Amino acid sequence: LTYFGILPFIIRWVGKLLTFLTRAPKFESFFAIEMMFLGNTEALAVSKLQLMRMSKERVLTIGLMSMSCVTAALIAVYVKMMPAEYVVTAIPLNVINALLVSSILHPVKVAPEEDTIATLSEGGEREPFFSYLAESILGAGRLVLIICANVIAIVALLKCVNVLLGLLHASLSLELILGVVLFPFAWLLGLAPAEAFQIAQYMGTKLITNEFVVMLQIQEMVPTWPAHMQAVMTVFITSFANLGTVGIILGCFKGLVDPERNLIVARNVVYMMLSGLLVSLLSAAICGLFVW
């Protein structure tokens, strides 16, 4: 699609429409929608050409946005475990809030001449199709290996930290610590203190592990919860915002962009986690306003 100019064409015109509505740059606007259908890894992979020609600051914005999505392919799995109406609601909310939060955490002013869509024909004659195809396949294989290595390393590191915390106290873990930290935010979502503490523990677990771990833990309990509690919890966990995703995104950028652009993303891992957390909280708060 990139080679024949189809993807740049779609980005250009869908981006113009979304830019008119959101006032965000064309590619950032399109990327938010692209993530909703493809997921963060696939959206980054098909955007390699654009990422290589964007400024470092805009590449970091894409990294922040990549923490806040789910892929359409997993929706069917989610709705079997959680209330379908809240799962479907979470997806567009995450897209809108990803644009909003990334622009707040990392505001970047893009000049009109920079707000362009990269094409292969820029700067000279295109390389032969099969040469481009072979290079893309090789790049994809390398990308998969880098992502796997990053995810394994981060999961192993988290397990090591939990083991060390367990030596201090049997019940101490990163999930518990994050649950305590997130309690005030859960309470601000309109939950009673007891409910807020329970939800905060699941929020902490989700950030350390992933959404499937939490969904498997609570799928039997959710129908017994009040509607507001169901809405807040479901919308919060319907995203890829967790530490494992950080490893995936870092692996993607390592395999897609030059070291300089990769470095600025790697240096802002805390911002990436903060972005994912804020988007999830904001989406849950918005949905919770309408469900009581």
Protein backbone atom coordinates (compact mmCIF):
# COMPACT_ATOMS: atom_id res chain seq x y z
CA LEU A 1 0.00 0.00 0.00
CA THR A 2 2.86 2.37 0.77
CA TYR A 3 4.78 1.43 -2.38
CA PHE A 4 1.85 2.15 -4.70
CA GLY A 5 0.91 5.34 -2.85
CA ILE A 6 -2.45 4.06 -1.55
CA LEU A 7 -1.68 4.44 2.16
CA PRO A 8 -0.20 7.96 1.80
CA PHE A 9 -3.31 8.94 -0.19
CA ILE A 10 -5.62 7.68 2.57
CA ILE A 11 -3.55 9.37 5.27
CA ARG A 12 -3.56 12.65 3.38
CA TRP A 13 -7.34 12.89 2.92
CA VAL A 14 -8.54 11.25 6.13
CA GLY A 15 -5.94 13.30 7.96
CA LYS A 16 -7.28 16.51 6.42
CA LEU A 17 -10.79 15.69 7.64
CA LEU A 18 -9.65 14.80 11.16
CA THR A 19 -7.34 17.81 11.30
CA PHE A 20 -10.31 20.02 10.51
CA LEU A 21 -12.21 18.46 13.43
CA THR A 22 -9.40 18.13 15.99
CA ARG A 23 -6.86 20.79 14.87
CA ALA A 24 -4.15 18.14 15.27
CA PRO A 25 -1.55 17.47 12.51
CA LYS A 26 -2.71 15.25 9.63
CA PHE A 27 -0.64 12.18 10.42
CA GLU A 28 -1.28 12.23 14.17
CA SER A 29 -5.02 12.47 13.51
CA PHE A 30 -4.96 9.57 11.07
CA PHE A 31 -2.69 7.49 13.30
CA ALA A 32 -5.25 7.63 16.12
CA ILE A 33 -7.91 6.14 13.84
CA GLU A 34 -5.41 3.68 12.35
CA MET A 35 -4.62 2.29 15.80
CA MET A 36 -8.31 1.64 16.43
CA PHE A 37 -8.44 -0.83 13.54
CA LEU A 38 -4.89 -2.21 13.36
CA GLY A 39 -3.53 -1.93 16.89
CA ASN A 40 -0.37 -0.07 17.95
CA THR A 41 2.27 -2.48 16.59
CA GLU A 42 0.69 -2.85 13.16
CA ALA A 43 -0.05 0.87 12.89
CA LEU A 44 3.58 1.71 13.68
CA ALA A 45 4.87 -0.90 11.23
CA VAL A 46 2.88 0.46 8.27
CA SER A 47 3.89 4.02 9.23
CA LYS A 48 7.67 3.47 9.02
CA LEU A 49 8.17 5.83 6.07
CA GLN A 50 6.30 8.65 7.80
CA LEU A 51 8.10 8.11 11.12
CA MET A 52 11.51 8.31 9.44
CA ARG A 53 10.69 11.72 7.95
CA MET A 54 8.99 13.31 10.95
CA SER A 55 10.74 15.41 13.58
CA LYS A 56 11.89 13.72 16.80
CA GLU A 57 9.28 15.60 18.80
CA ARG A 58 6.43 14.33 16.63
CA VAL A 59 7.79 10.78 16.82
CA LEU A 60 7.55 11.01 20.62
CA THR A 61 3.92 12.14 20.27
CA ILE A 62 3.23 8.98 18.27
CA GLY A 63 4.91 6.94 21.02
CA LEU A 64 2.64 8.51 23.65
CA MET A 65 -0.45 7.84 21.55
CA SER A 66 0.57 4.21 20.99
CA MET A 67 -0.08 3.42 24.67
CA SER A 68 -3.82 4.07 24.33
CA CYS A 69 -5.56 1.72 21.96
CA VAL A 70 -6.98 -1.73 21.39
CA THR A 71 -7.12 -3.59 18.11
CA ALA A 72 -10.43 -4.41 16.44
CA ALA A 73 -9.37 -8.05 16.19
CA LEU A 74 -9.62 -8.44 19.99
CA ILE A 75 -13.02 -6.82 20.49
CA ALA A 76 -14.84 -10.14 20.06
CA VAL A 77 -12.72 -11.62 22.85
CA TYR A 78 -13.30 -8.65 25.15
CA VAL A 79 -17.09 -8.65 24.79
CA LYS A 80 -17.25 -12.32 25.82
CA MET A 81 -15.73 -11.42 29.19
CA MET A 82 -16.95 -7.86 29.83
CA PRO A 83 -20.16 -5.86 29.12
CA ALA A 84 -20.16 -5.29 25.36
CA GLU A 85 -21.67 -1.80 25.45
CA TYR A 86 -18.80 -0.47 27.59
CA VAL A 87 -16.10 -2.23 25.55
CA VAL A 88 -17.40 -0.64 22.34
CA THR A 89 -17.69 2.75 24.06
CA ALA A 90 -14.08 2.61 25.26
CA ILE A 91 -12.59 2.32 21.78
CA PRO A 92 -13.54 5.73 20.30
CA LEU A 93 -13.06 7.39 23.69
CA ASN A 94 -9.46 6.14 23.79
CA VAL A 95 -8.83 7.47 20.27
CA ILE A 96 -10.07 10.97 21.11
CA ASN A 97 -8.39 11.08 24.51
CA ALA A 98 -5.07 9.81 23.10
CA LEU A 99 -4.94 12.87 20.85
CA LEU A 100 -5.93 15.14 23.74
CA VAL A 101 -3.56 13.76 26.38
CA SER A 102 -0.55 13.49 24.06
CA SER A 103 -0.98 17.13 23.02
CA ILE A 104 -1.12 18.18 26.70
CA LEU A 105 1.86 16.11 27.87
CA HIS A 106 3.97 16.87 24.81
CA PRO A 107 2.69 19.90 22.89
CA VAL A 108 4.36 20.23 19.49
CA LYS A 109 3.74 23.09 17.11
CA VAL A 110 3.84 21.81 13.53
CA ALA A 111 4.40 24.34 10.75
CA PRO A 112 2.20 23.96 7.64
CA GLU A 113 5.21 22.98 5.52
CA GLU A 114 6.02 20.17 8.00
CA ASP A 115 2.47 18.83 8.09
CA THR A 116 2.95 16.68 5.00
CA ILE A 117 2.57 12.99 4.15
CA ALA A 118 5.73 11.17 3.07
CA THR A 119 5.75 9.11 -0.15
CA LEU A 120 8.36 6.79 -1.65
CA SER A 121 8.69 8.94 -4.76
CA GLU A 122 10.10 11.87 -2.78
CA GLY A 123 13.74 12.57 -3.42
CA GLY A 124 14.19 10.57 -6.59
CA GLU A 125 13.24 7.36 -8.37
CA ARG A 126 11.61 4.54 -6.41
CA GLU A 127 13.47 1.27 -5.93
CA PRO A 128 12.10 -1.83 -7.74
CA PHE A 129 8.98 -3.36 -6.21
CA PHE A 130 10.49 -6.76 -5.33
CA SER A 131 13.52 -5.11 -3.78
CA TYR A 132 11.20 -3.01 -1.60
CA LEU A 133 9.13 -6.12 -0.75
CA ALA A 134 12.20 -8.13 0.27
CA GLU A 135 13.44 -5.27 2.43
CA SER A 136 10.02 -4.96 4.08
CA ILE A 137 9.86 -8.69 4.85
CA LEU A 138 13.38 -8.62 6.31
CA GLY A 139 12.47 -5.57 8.37
CA ALA A 140 9.29 -7.24 9.67
CA GLY A 141 11.21 -10.34 10.78
CA ARG A 142 13.78 -8.20 12.55
CA LEU A 143 11.00 -6.19 14.18
CA VAL A 144 9.32 -9.32 15.57
CA LEU A 145 12.58 -10.50 17.15
CA ILE A 146 13.28 -7.11 18.72
CA ILE A 147 9.74 -6.85 20.13
CA CYS A 148 9.89 -10.37 21.61
CA ALA A 149 13.25 -9.66 23.24
CA ASN A 150 12.01 -6.37 24.73
CA VAL A 151 8.81 -7.89 26.12
CA ILE A 152 10.63 -10.89 27.64
CA ALA A 153 13.18 -8.57 29.27
CA ILE A 154 10.55 -6.26 30.77
CA VAL A 155 8.34 -9.11 32.05
CA ALA A 156 11.40 -10.77 33.60
CA LEU A 157 12.43 -7.47 35.23
CA LEU A 158 8.95 -6.99 36.72
CA LYS A 159 8.96 -10.55 38.04
CA CYS A 160 12.36 -9.94 39.62
CA VAL A 161 11.11 -6.76 41.33
CA ASN A 162 8.05 -8.60 42.67
CA VAL A 163 10.24 -11.39 44.05
CA LEU A 164 12.44 -8.82 45.83
CA LEU A 165 9.38 -7.05 47.23
CA GLY A 166 8.05 -10.42 48.40
CA LEU A 167 11.20 -10.88 50.47
CA LEU A 168 10.29 -7.73 52.40
CA HIS A 169 6.68 -8.83 52.97
CA ALA A 170 4.75 -11.79 51.59
CA SER A 171 1.82 -9.68 50.33
CA LEU A 172 3.91 -6.84 48.89
CA SER A 173 3.98 -6.47 45.09
CA LEU A 174 4.06 -3.84 42.37
CA GLU A 175 0.37 -4.46 41.75
CA LEU A 176 -0.48 -3.73 45.39
CA ILE A 177 1.68 -0.58 45.46
CA LEU A 178 0.09 0.77 42.29
CA GLY A 179 -3.35 -0.11 43.65
CA VAL A 180 -2.73 2.04 46.72
CA VAL A 181 -1.39 4.90 44.58
CA LEU A 182 -4.42 4.73 42.26
CA PHE A 183 -7.01 4.63 45.07
CA PRO A 184 -7.62 8.44 45.10
CA PHE A 185 -8.13 8.44 41.32
CA ALA A 186 -10.56 5.52 41.53
CA TRP A 187 -12.47 7.36 44.27
CA LEU A 188 -12.66 10.48 42.08
CA LEU A 189 -14.38 8.37 39.41
CA GLY A 190 -17.47 8.39 41.62
CA LEU A 191 -17.00 5.14 43.50
CA ALA A 192 -17.60 4.48 47.19
CA PRO A 193 -14.35 4.09 49.18
CA ALA A 194 -14.66 0.30 49.45
CA GLU A 195 -15.45 -0.01 45.73
CA ALA A 196 -12.67 2.43 44.84
CA PHE A 197 -10.06 0.41 46.74
CA GLN A 198 -11.18 -2.80 45.03
CA ILE A 199 -11.13 -1.19 41.58
CA ALA A 200 -7.75 0.43 42.26
CA GLN A 201 -6.23 -3.01 42.94
CA TYR A 202 -7.46 -4.25 39.57
CA MET A 203 -6.16 -1.08 37.92
CA GLY A 204 -2.72 -1.71 39.38
CA THR A 205 -2.79 -5.33 38.23
CA LYS A 206 -3.75 -4.25 34.72
CA LEU A 207 -0.88 -1.75 34.47
CA ILE A 208 1.68 -4.33 35.58
CA THR A 209 0.32 -7.32 33.65
CA ASN A 210 -2.36 -6.76 30.97
CA GLU A 211 -6.11 -6.41 30.47
CA PHE A 212 -6.71 -10.15 29.95
CA VAL A 213 -5.38 -11.02 33.41
CA VAL A 214 -7.87 -8.64 35.03
CA MET A 215 -10.77 -9.65 32.79
CA LEU A 216 -10.27 -13.31 33.70
CA GLN A 217 -10.22 -12.38 37.40
CA ILE A 218 -13.40 -10.29 37.39
CA GLN A 219 -15.59 -11.67 34.59
CA GLU A 220 -17.71 -13.69 37.06
CA MET A 221 -18.08 -10.75 39.48
CA VAL A 222 -18.86 -7.95 37.02
CA PRO A 223 -22.58 -8.82 36.56
CA THR A 224 -23.09 -8.39 40.33
CA TRP A 225 -21.55 -4.91 40.41
CA PRO A 226 -23.51 -1.63 40.16
CA ALA A 227 -23.78 -0.26 36.61
CA HIS A 228 -21.44 2.68 37.33
CA MET A 229 -18.77 0.36 38.70
CA GLN A 230 -19.12 -1.92 35.66
CA ALA A 231 -18.76 1.01 33.26
CA VAL A 232 -15.71 2.54 34.95
CA MET A 233 -13.84 -0.76 35.31
CA THR A 234 -14.60 -2.02 31.80
CA VAL A 235 -13.61 1.21 30.04
CA PHE A 236 -10.42 1.55 32.10
CA ILE A 237 -9.11 -1.92 31.28
CA THR A 238 -10.10 -1.85 27.60
CA SER A 239 -6.73 -0.63 26.35
CA PHE A 240 -3.14 -1.81 25.92
CA ALA A 241 -1.80 0.60 28.56
CA ASN A 242 0.58 -1.60 30.57
CA LEU A 243 4.30 -2.13 31.05
CA GLY A 244 4.39 -4.97 28.54
CA THR A 245 3.15 -2.55 25.89
CA VAL A 246 6.08 -0.27 26.71
CA GLY A 247 8.40 -3.10 25.69
CA ILE A 248 6.46 -3.66 22.48
CA ILE A 249 6.54 0.02 21.52
CA LEU A 250 10.24 0.38 22.32
CA GLY A 251 10.90 -2.70 20.19
CA CYS A 252 8.88 -1.23 17.35
CA PHE A 253 10.77 2.04 17.33
CA LYS A 254 14.10 0.22 17.67
CA GLY A 255 13.33 -1.70 14.49
CA LEU A 256 11.66 1.11 12.54
CA VAL A 257 13.50 4.39 13.08
CA ASP A 258 17.06 5.64 13.38
CA PRO A 259 18.87 5.62 16.78
CA GLU A 260 18.28 9.34 17.35
CA ARG A 261 14.50 9.04 17.08
CA ASN A 262 14.49 5.79 19.04
CA LEU A 263 16.48 7.43 21.85
CA ILE A 264 13.95 10.20 22.46
CA VAL A 265 11.19 7.59 22.82
CA ALA A 266 13.29 5.38 25.12
CA ARG A 267 14.08 8.35 27.36
CA ASN A 268 10.38 9.08 27.90
CA VAL A 269 9.07 5.71 29.09
CA VAL A 270 7.57 7.35 32.20
CA TYR A 271 5.68 9.81 29.98
CA MET A 272 4.41 6.89 27.90
CA MET A 273 3.04 5.08 30.96
CA LEU A 274 1.56 8.34 32.26
CA SER A 275 -0.09 8.95 28.91
CA GLY A 276 -1.67 5.49 28.86
CA LEU A 277 -2.87 5.84 32.46
CA LEU A 278 -4.36 9.30 31.94
CA VAL A 279 -6.17 8.24 28.76
CA SER A 280 -7.67 5.22 30.55
CA LEU A 281 -8.75 7.32 33.54
CA LEU A 282 -10.21 10.05 31.33
CA SER A 283 -12.14 7.55 29.20
CA ALA A 284 -13.48 5.83 32.33
CA ALA A 285 -14.50 9.17 33.84
CA ILE A 286 -16.35 10.29 30.70
CA CYS A 287 -18.24 7.00 30.41
CA GLY A 288 -18.99 6.99 34.14
CA LEU A 289 -20.67 10.40 33.89
CA PHE A 290 -23.50 8.84 31.89
CA VAL A 291 -23.91 5.52 33.74
CA TRP A 292 -25.25 5.43 37.31
